[in-house]
PDB file of all heavy atoms in Angstrom:
ATOM      1  N   VAL A   1      -6.456 -14.566  -6.405  1.00  0.00           N
ATOM      2  CA  VAL A   1      -5.981 -15.966  -6.192  1.00  0.00           C
ATOM      3  C   VAL A   1      -6.574 -16.496  -4.888  1.00  0.00           C
ATOM      4  O   VAL A   1      -7.031 -17.630  -4.855  1.00  0.00           O
ATOM      5  CB  VAL A   1      -4.449 -16.085  -6.212  1.00  0.00           C
ATOM      6  CG1 VAL A   1      -3.959 -17.418  -5.669  1.00  0.00           C
ATOM      7  CG2 VAL A   1      -3.856 -15.807  -7.597  1.00  0.00           C
ATOM      8  N   LEU A   2      -6.554 -15.674  -3.839  1.00  0.00           N
ATOM      9  CA  LEU A   2      -7.115 -16.140  -2.552  1.00  0.00           C
ATOM     10  C   LEU A   2      -8.586 -16.512  -2.747  1.00  0.00           C
ATOM     11  O   LEU A   2      -8.996 -17.548  -2.200  1.00  0.00           O
ATOM     12  CB  LEU A   2      -7.003 -15.011  -1.537  1.00  0.00           C
ATOM     13  CG  LEU A   2      -5.636 -14.730  -0.954  1.00  0.00           C
ATOM     14  CD1 LEU A   2      -5.666 -13.531  -0.011  1.00  0.00           C
ATOM     15  CD2 LEU A   2      -5.071 -15.999  -0.205  1.00  0.00           C
ATOM     16  N   GLN A   3      -9.313 -15.736  -3.502  1.00  0.00           N
ATOM     17  CA  GLN A   3     -10.720 -16.059  -3.719  1.00  0.00           C
ATOM     18  C   GLN A   3     -10.952 -17.258  -4.640  1.00  0.00           C
ATOM     19  O   GLN A   3     -11.880 -18.019  -4.450  1.00  0.00           O
ATOM     20  CB  GLN A   3     -11.440 -14.810  -4.300  1.00  0.00           C
ATOM     21  CG  GLN A   3     -11.461 -13.634  -3.328  1.00  0.00           C
ATOM     22  CD  GLN A   3     -12.036 -12.388  -3.958  1.00  0.00           C
ATOM     23  OE1 GLN A   3     -11.952 -12.155  -5.156  1.00  0.00           O
ATOM     24  NE2 GLN A   3     -12.658 -11.543  -3.101  1.00  0.00           N
ATOM     25  N   LYS A   4     -10.084 -17.414  -5.624  1.00  0.00           N
ATOM     26  CA  LYS A   4     -10.244 -18.541  -6.616  1.00  0.00           C
ATOM     27  C   LYS A   4      -9.730 -19.871  -6.059  1.00  0.00           C
ATOM     28  O   LYS A   4     -10.244 -20.895  -6.306  1.00  0.00           O
ATOM     29  CB  LYS A   4      -9.537 -18.222  -7.919  1.00  0.00           C
ATOM     30  CG  LYS A   4      -9.992 -16.937  -8.571  1.00  0.00           C
ATOM     31  CD  LYS A   4     -11.215 -17.148  -9.436  1.00  0.00           C
ATOM     32  CE  LYS A   4     -11.519 -15.909 -10.302  1.00  0.00           C
ATOM     33  NZ  LYS A   4     -12.804 -16.023 -11.028  1.00  0.00           N
ATOM     34  N   GLU A   5      -8.634 -19.752  -5.277  1.00  0.00           N
ATOM     35  CA  GLU A   5      -7.933 -21.006  -4.913  1.00  0.00           C
ATOM     36  C   GLU A   5      -8.102 -21.354  -3.436  1.00  0.00           C
ATOM     37  O   GLU A   5      -7.880 -22.514  -3.042  1.00  0.00           O
ATOM     38  CB  GLU A   5      -6.459 -20.882  -5.208  1.00  0.00           C
ATOM     39  CG  GLU A   5      -6.137 -20.698  -6.706  1.00  0.00           C
ATOM     40  CD  GLU A   5      -4.661 -20.551  -7.023  1.00  0.00           C
ATOM     41  OE1 GLU A   5      -3.834 -20.782  -6.134  1.00  0.00           O
ATOM     42  OE2 GLU A   5      -4.347 -20.209  -8.190  1.00  0.00           O
ATOM     43  N   ILE A   6      -8.563 -20.433  -2.621  1.00  0.00           N
ATOM     44  CA  ILE A   6      -8.755 -20.725  -1.193  1.00  0.00           C
ATOM     45  C   ILE A   6     -10.203 -20.710  -0.756  1.00  0.00           C
ATOM     46  O   ILE A   6     -10.750 -21.733  -0.307  1.00  0.00           O
ATOM     47  CB  ILE A   6      -7.968 -19.669  -0.285  1.00  0.00           C
ATOM     48  CG1 ILE A   6      -6.476 -19.651  -0.642  1.00  0.00           C
ATOM     49  CG2 ILE A   6      -8.143 -20.012   1.184  1.00  0.00           C
ATOM     50  CD1 ILE A   6      -5.724 -20.935  -0.496  1.00  0.00           C
ATOM     51  N   HIS A   7     -10.908 -19.590  -1.000  1.00  0.00           N
ATOM     52  CA  HIS A   7     -12.329 -19.531  -0.630  1.00  0.00           C
ATOM     53  C   HIS A   7     -13.026 -18.431  -1.433  1.00  0.00           C
ATOM     54  O   HIS A   7     -12.613 -17.282  -1.383  1.00  0.00           O
ATOM     55  CB  HIS A   7     -12.522 -19.292   0.861  1.00  0.00           C
ATOM     56  CG  HIS A   7     -13.903 -19.677   1.340  1.00  0.00           C
ATOM     57  ND1 HIS A   7     -15.033 -18.970   0.969  1.00  0.00           N
ATOM     58  CD2 HIS A   7     -14.286 -20.683   2.107  1.00  0.00           C
ATOM     59  CE1 HIS A   7     -16.060 -19.537   1.538  1.00  0.00           C
ATOM     60  NE2 HIS A   7     -15.690 -20.610   2.228  1.00  0.00           N
ATOM     61  N   PRO A   8     -14.107 -18.754  -2.136  1.00  0.00           N
ATOM     62  CA  PRO A   8     -14.735 -17.725  -3.052  1.00  0.00           C
ATOM     63  C   PRO A   8     -15.389 -16.622  -2.277  1.00  0.00           C
ATOM     64  O   PRO A   8     -15.599 -15.494  -2.839  1.00  0.00           O
ATOM     65  CB  PRO A   8     -15.815 -18.563  -3.762  1.00  0.00           C
ATOM     66  CG  PRO A   8     -16.039 -19.780  -2.959  1.00  0.00           C
ATOM     67  CD  PRO A   8     -14.706 -20.073  -2.275  1.00  0.00           C
ATOM     68  N   LYS A   9     -15.665 -16.789  -0.992  1.00  0.00           N
ATOM     69  CA  LYS A   9     -16.366 -15.713  -0.227  1.00  0.00           C
ATOM     70  C   LYS A   9     -15.377 -14.818   0.589  1.00  0.00           C
ATOM     71  O   LYS A   9     -15.828 -14.021   1.398  1.00  0.00           O
ATOM     72  CB  LYS A   9     -17.414 -16.314   0.724  1.00  0.00           C
ATOM     73  CG  LYS A   9     -18.554 -17.010  -0.023  1.00  0.00           C
ATOM     74  CD  LYS A   9     -19.769 -16.058  -0.088  1.00  0.00           C
ATOM     75  CE  LYS A   9     -21.044 -16.665  -0.526  1.00  0.00           C
ATOM     76  NZ  LYS A   9     -21.063 -17.649  -1.567  1.00  0.00           N
ATOM     77  N   LEU A  10     -14.073 -15.042   0.389  1.00  0.00           N
ATOM     78  CA  LEU A  10     -13.088 -14.291   1.171  1.00  0.00           C
ATOM     79  C   LEU A  10     -13.119 -12.793   0.775  1.00  0.00           C
ATOM     80  O   LEU A  10     -13.066 -12.426  -0.385  1.00  0.00           O
ATOM     81  CB  LEU A  10     -11.663 -14.873   0.836  1.00  0.00           C
ATOM     82  CG  LEU A  10     -10.642 -14.795   1.917  1.00  0.00           C
ATOM     83  CD1 LEU A  10     -11.026 -15.655   3.126  1.00  0.00           C
ATOM     84  CD2 LEU A  10      -9.293 -15.229   1.399  1.00  0.00           C
ATOM     85  N   LYS A  11     -13.256 -11.958   1.820  1.00  0.00           N
ATOM     86  CA  LYS A  11     -13.244 -10.497   1.571  1.00  0.00           C
ATOM     87  C   LYS A  11     -11.844  -9.964   1.817  1.00  0.00           C
ATOM     88  O   LYS A  11     -11.314 -10.142   2.925  1.00  0.00           O
ATOM     89  CB  LYS A  11     -14.255  -9.832   2.527  1.00  0.00           C
ATOM     90  CG  LYS A  11     -15.722 -10.198   2.178  1.00  0.00           C
ATOM     91  CD  LYS A  11     -16.679  -9.666   3.232  1.00  0.00           C
ATOM     92  CE  LYS A  11     -16.875  -8.166   3.115  1.00  0.00           C
ATOM     93  NZ  LYS A  11     -17.852  -7.711   4.139  1.00  0.00           N
ATOM     94  N   VAL A  12     -11.277  -9.329   0.850  1.00  0.00           N
ATOM     95  CA  VAL A  12      -9.883  -8.874   0.928  1.00  0.00           C
ATOM     96  C   VAL A  12      -9.823  -7.358   0.878  1.00  0.00           C
ATOM     97  O   VAL A  12     -10.544  -6.707   0.131  1.00  0.00           O
ATOM     98  CB  VAL A  12      -9.050  -9.458  -0.277  1.00  0.00           C
ATOM     99  CG1 VAL A  12      -7.591  -9.026  -0.177  1.00  0.00           C
ATOM    100  CG2 VAL A  12      -9.162 -10.997  -0.327  1.00  0.00           C
ATOM    101  N   ALA A  13      -8.989  -6.819   1.773  1.00  0.00           N
ATOM    102  CA  ALA A  13      -8.711  -5.380   1.721  1.00  0.00           C
ATOM    103  C   ALA A  13      -7.280  -5.120   1.244  1.00  0.00           C
ATOM    104  O   ALA A  13      -6.359  -5.826   1.752  1.00  0.00           O
ATOM    105  CB  ALA A  13      -8.903  -4.757   3.092  1.00  0.00           C
ATOM    106  N   ILE A  14      -7.113  -4.203   0.360  1.00  0.00           N
ATOM    107  CA  ILE A  14      -5.751  -3.801  -0.059  1.00  0.00           C
ATOM    108  C   ILE A  14      -5.470  -2.426   0.545  1.00  0.00           C
ATOM    109  O   ILE A  14      -6.202  -1.426   0.210  1.00  0.00           O
ATOM    110  CB  ILE A  14      -5.660  -3.771  -1.600  1.00  0.00           C
ATOM    111  CG1 ILE A  14      -5.840  -5.191  -2.169  1.00  0.00           C
ATOM    112  CG2 ILE A  14      -4.280  -3.208  -2.022  1.00  0.00           C
ATOM    113  CD1 ILE A  14      -5.856  -5.290  -3.680  1.00  0.00           C
ATOM    114  N   VAL A  15      -4.542  -2.373   1.459  1.00  0.00           N
ATOM    115  CA  VAL A  15      -4.168  -1.137   2.189  1.00  0.00           C
ATOM    116  C   VAL A  15      -2.876  -0.623   1.557  1.00  0.00           C
ATOM    117  O   VAL A  15      -1.818  -1.171   1.824  1.00  0.00           O
ATOM    118  CB  VAL A  15      -4.053  -1.427   3.711  1.00  0.00           C
ATOM    119  CG1 VAL A  15      -3.618  -0.161   4.453  1.00  0.00           C
ATOM    120  CG2 VAL A  15      -5.384  -1.910   4.237  1.00  0.00           C
ATOM    121  N   ASP A  16      -2.993   0.385   0.746  1.00  0.00           N
ATOM    122  CA  ASP A  16      -1.865   0.865  -0.062  1.00  0.00           C
ATOM    123  C   ASP A  16      -1.329   2.159   0.599  1.00  0.00           C
ATOM    124  O   ASP A  16      -1.935   3.236   0.444  1.00  0.00           O
ATOM    125  CB  ASP A  16      -2.362   1.088  -1.463  1.00  0.00           C
ATOM    126  CG  ASP A  16      -1.215   1.372  -2.415  1.00  0.00           C
ATOM    127  OD1 ASP A  16      -0.140   1.767  -1.949  1.00  0.00           O
ATOM    128  OD2 ASP A  16      -1.394   1.211  -3.656  1.00  0.00           O
ATOM    129  N   LEU A  17      -0.137   2.001   1.210  1.00  0.00           N
ATOM    130  CA  LEU A  17       0.483   3.180   1.863  1.00  0.00           C
ATOM    131  C   LEU A  17       1.749   3.580   1.147  1.00  0.00           C
ATOM    132  O   LEU A  17       2.621   4.246   1.763  1.00  0.00           O
ATOM    133  CB  LEU A  17       0.697   2.922   3.364  1.00  0.00           C
ATOM    134  CG  LEU A  17      -0.576   2.579   4.147  1.00  0.00           C
ATOM    135  CD1 LEU A  17      -0.222   2.495   5.645  1.00  0.00           C
ATOM    136  CD2 LEU A  17      -1.700   3.553   3.892  1.00  0.00           C
ATOM    137  N   ASP A  18       1.904   3.197  -0.084  1.00  0.00           N
ATOM    138  CA  ASP A  18       2.897   3.747  -0.925  1.00  0.00           C
ATOM    139  C   ASP A  18       2.549   5.259  -1.145  1.00  0.00           C
ATOM    140  O   ASP A  18       1.377   5.589  -1.079  1.00  0.00           O
ATOM    141  CB  ASP A  18       2.906   3.028  -2.284  1.00  0.00           C
ATOM    142  CG  ASP A  18       4.038   3.440  -3.223  1.00  0.00           C
ATOM    143  OD1 ASP A  18       3.914   4.506  -3.878  1.00  0.00           O
ATOM    144  OD2 ASP A  18       4.963   2.682  -3.334  1.00  0.00           O
ATOM    145  N   VAL A  19       3.516   6.119  -1.403  1.00  0.00           N
ATOM    146  CA  VAL A  19       3.208   7.546  -1.513  1.00  0.00           C
ATOM    147  C   VAL A  19       2.474   7.884  -2.809  1.00  0.00           C
ATOM    148  O   VAL A  19       1.845   8.915  -2.952  1.00  0.00           O
ATOM    149  CB  VAL A  19       4.508   8.400  -1.385  1.00  0.00           C
ATOM    150  CG1 VAL A  19       5.208   8.499  -2.664  1.00  0.00           C
ATOM    151  CG2 VAL A  19       4.178   9.776  -0.832  1.00  0.00           C
ATOM    152  N   HIS A  20       2.500   6.959  -3.763  1.00  0.00           N
ATOM    153  CA  HIS A  20       1.793   7.189  -5.054  1.00  0.00           C
ATOM    154  C   HIS A  20       0.499   6.411  -5.035  1.00  0.00           C
ATOM    155  O   HIS A  20       0.446   5.288  -4.561  1.00  0.00           O
ATOM    156  CB  HIS A  20       2.672   6.699  -6.220  1.00  0.00           C
ATOM    157  CG  HIS A  20       4.022   7.351  -6.223  1.00  0.00           C
ATOM    158  ND1 HIS A  20       5.181   6.703  -5.839  1.00  0.00           N
ATOM    159  CD2 HIS A  20       4.418   8.621  -6.529  1.00  0.00           C
ATOM    160  CE1 HIS A  20       6.245   7.526  -5.956  1.00  0.00           C
ATOM    161  NE2 HIS A  20       5.749   8.677  -6.351  1.00  0.00           N
ATOM    162  N   GLN A  21      -0.551   6.996  -5.588  1.00  0.00           N
ATOM    163  CA  GLN A  21      -1.856   6.318  -5.555  1.00  0.00           C
ATOM    164  C   GLN A  21      -1.782   4.984  -6.309  1.00  0.00           C
ATOM    165  O   GLN A  21      -1.133   4.904  -7.363  1.00  0.00           O
ATOM    166  CB  GLN A  21      -2.904   7.204  -6.224  1.00  0.00           C
ATOM    167  CG  GLN A  21      -4.351   6.631  -5.908  1.00  0.00           C
ATOM    168  CD  GLN A  21      -5.350   6.781  -7.073  1.00  0.00           C
ATOM    169  OE1 GLN A  21      -4.925   6.827  -8.219  1.00  0.00           O
ATOM    170  NE2 GLN A  21      -6.605   6.779  -6.736  1.00  0.00           N
ATOM    171  N   GLY A  22      -2.447   3.994  -5.773  1.00  0.00           N
ATOM    172  CA  GLY A  22      -2.548   2.669  -6.418  1.00  0.00           C
ATOM    173  C   GLY A  22      -3.560   2.687  -7.546  1.00  0.00           C
ATOM    174  O   GLY A  22      -4.643   2.112  -7.511  1.00  0.00           O
ATOM    175  N   ASN A  23      -3.233   3.441  -8.636  1.00  0.00           N
ATOM    176  CA  ASN A  23      -4.222   3.713  -9.696  1.00  0.00           C
ATOM    177  C   ASN A  23      -4.571   2.408 -10.437  1.00  0.00           C
ATOM    178  O   ASN A  23      -5.722   2.193 -10.765  1.00  0.00           O
ATOM    179  CB  ASN A  23      -3.675   4.780 -10.652  1.00  0.00           C
ATOM    180  CG  ASN A  23      -2.345   4.459 -11.246  1.00  0.00           C
ATOM    181  OD1 ASN A  23      -1.509   3.726 -10.659  1.00  0.00           O
ATOM    182  ND2 ASN A  23      -2.029   5.047 -12.393  1.00  0.00           N
ATOM    183  N   GLY A  24      -3.591   1.589 -10.733  1.00  0.00           N
ATOM    184  CA  GLY A  24      -3.852   0.336 -11.474  1.00  0.00           C
ATOM    185  C   GLY A  24      -4.736  -0.600 -10.665  1.00  0.00           C
ATOM    186  O   GLY A  24      -5.666  -1.159 -11.184  1.00  0.00           O
ATOM    187  N   THR A  25      -4.441  -0.693  -9.357  1.00  0.00           N
ATOM    188  CA  THR A  25      -5.247  -1.546  -8.495  1.00  0.00           C
ATOM    189  C   THR A  25      -6.663  -1.067  -8.405  1.00  0.00           C
ATOM    190  O   THR A  25      -7.624  -1.839  -8.532  1.00  0.00           O
ATOM    191  CB  THR A  25      -4.652  -1.538  -7.042  1.00  0.00           C
ATOM    192  OG1 THR A  25      -3.195  -1.754  -7.129  1.00  0.00           O
ATOM    193  CG2 THR A  25      -5.215  -2.606  -6.185  1.00  0.00           C
ATOM    194  N   ALA A  26      -6.880   0.259  -8.240  1.00  0.00           N
ATOM    195  CA  ALA A  26      -8.204   0.831  -8.180  1.00  0.00           C
ATOM    196  C   ALA A  26      -8.976   0.568  -9.464  1.00  0.00           C
ATOM    197  O   ALA A  26     -10.151   0.201  -9.415  1.00  0.00           O
ATOM    198  CB  ALA A  26      -8.128   2.344  -7.934  1.00  0.00           C
ATOM    199  N   SER A  27      -8.308   0.711 -10.593  1.00  0.00           N
ATOM    200  CA  SER A  27      -8.930   0.503 -11.880  1.00  0.00           C
ATOM    201  C   SER A  27      -9.332  -0.996 -12.090  1.00  0.00           C
ATOM    202  O   SER A  27     -10.479  -1.287 -12.490  1.00  0.00           O
ATOM    203  CB  SER A  27      -8.001   0.941 -13.023  1.00  0.00           C
ATOM    204  OG  SER A  27      -8.523   0.595 -14.258  1.00  0.00           O
ATOM    205  N   ILE A  28      -8.432  -1.894 -11.846  1.00  0.00           N
ATOM    206  CA  ILE A  28      -8.737  -3.358 -12.027  1.00  0.00           C
ATOM    207  C   ILE A  28      -9.881  -3.785 -11.161  1.00  0.00           C
ATOM    208  O   ILE A  28     -10.739  -4.549 -11.564  1.00  0.00           O
ATOM    209  CB  ILE A  28      -7.485  -4.183 -11.733  1.00  0.00           C
ATOM    210  CG1 ILE A  28      -6.376  -3.968 -12.743  1.00  0.00           C
ATOM    211  CG2 ILE A  28      -7.808  -5.683 -11.606  1.00  0.00           C
ATOM    212  CD1 ILE A  28      -5.030  -4.594 -12.387  1.00  0.00           C
ATOM    213  N   LEU A  29      -9.938  -3.266  -9.896  1.00  0.00           N
ATOM    214  CA  LEU A  29     -10.932  -3.766  -8.939  1.00  0.00           C
ATOM    215  C   LEU A  29     -12.130  -2.842  -8.711  1.00  0.00           C
ATOM    216  O   LEU A  29     -12.915  -3.082  -7.787  1.00  0.00           O
ATOM    217  CB  LEU A  29     -10.196  -4.026  -7.606  1.00  0.00           C
ATOM    218  CG  LEU A  29      -9.006  -5.022  -7.689  1.00  0.00           C
ATOM    219  CD1 LEU A  29      -8.243  -4.996  -6.352  1.00  0.00           C
ATOM    220  CD2 LEU A  29      -9.498  -6.370  -7.989  1.00  0.00           C
ATOM    221  N   GLN A  30     -12.279  -1.847  -9.567  1.00  0.00           N
ATOM    222  CA  GLN A  30     -13.324  -0.798  -9.255  1.00  0.00           C
ATOM    223  C   GLN A  30     -14.737  -1.339  -9.203  1.00  0.00           C
ATOM    224  O   GLN A  30     -15.554  -0.772  -8.465  1.00  0.00           O
ATOM    225  CB  GLN A  30     -13.194   0.350 -10.282  1.00  0.00           C
ATOM    226  CG  GLN A  30     -13.509  -0.015 -11.738  1.00  0.00           C
ATOM    227  CD  GLN A  30     -13.212   1.099 -12.672  1.00  0.00           C
ATOM    228  OE1 GLN A  30     -12.967   2.221 -12.259  1.00  0.00           O
ATOM    229  NE2 GLN A  30     -13.249   0.827 -13.935  1.00  0.00           N
TER     230      GLN A  30
END
């Protein structure tokens, strides 16, 4: 949404410190 609605060149980092791996996130954005 940030890239589509705010700025297309925005570089986003997802820092996932939940104890379980962010498997869905990794798969969607691989």
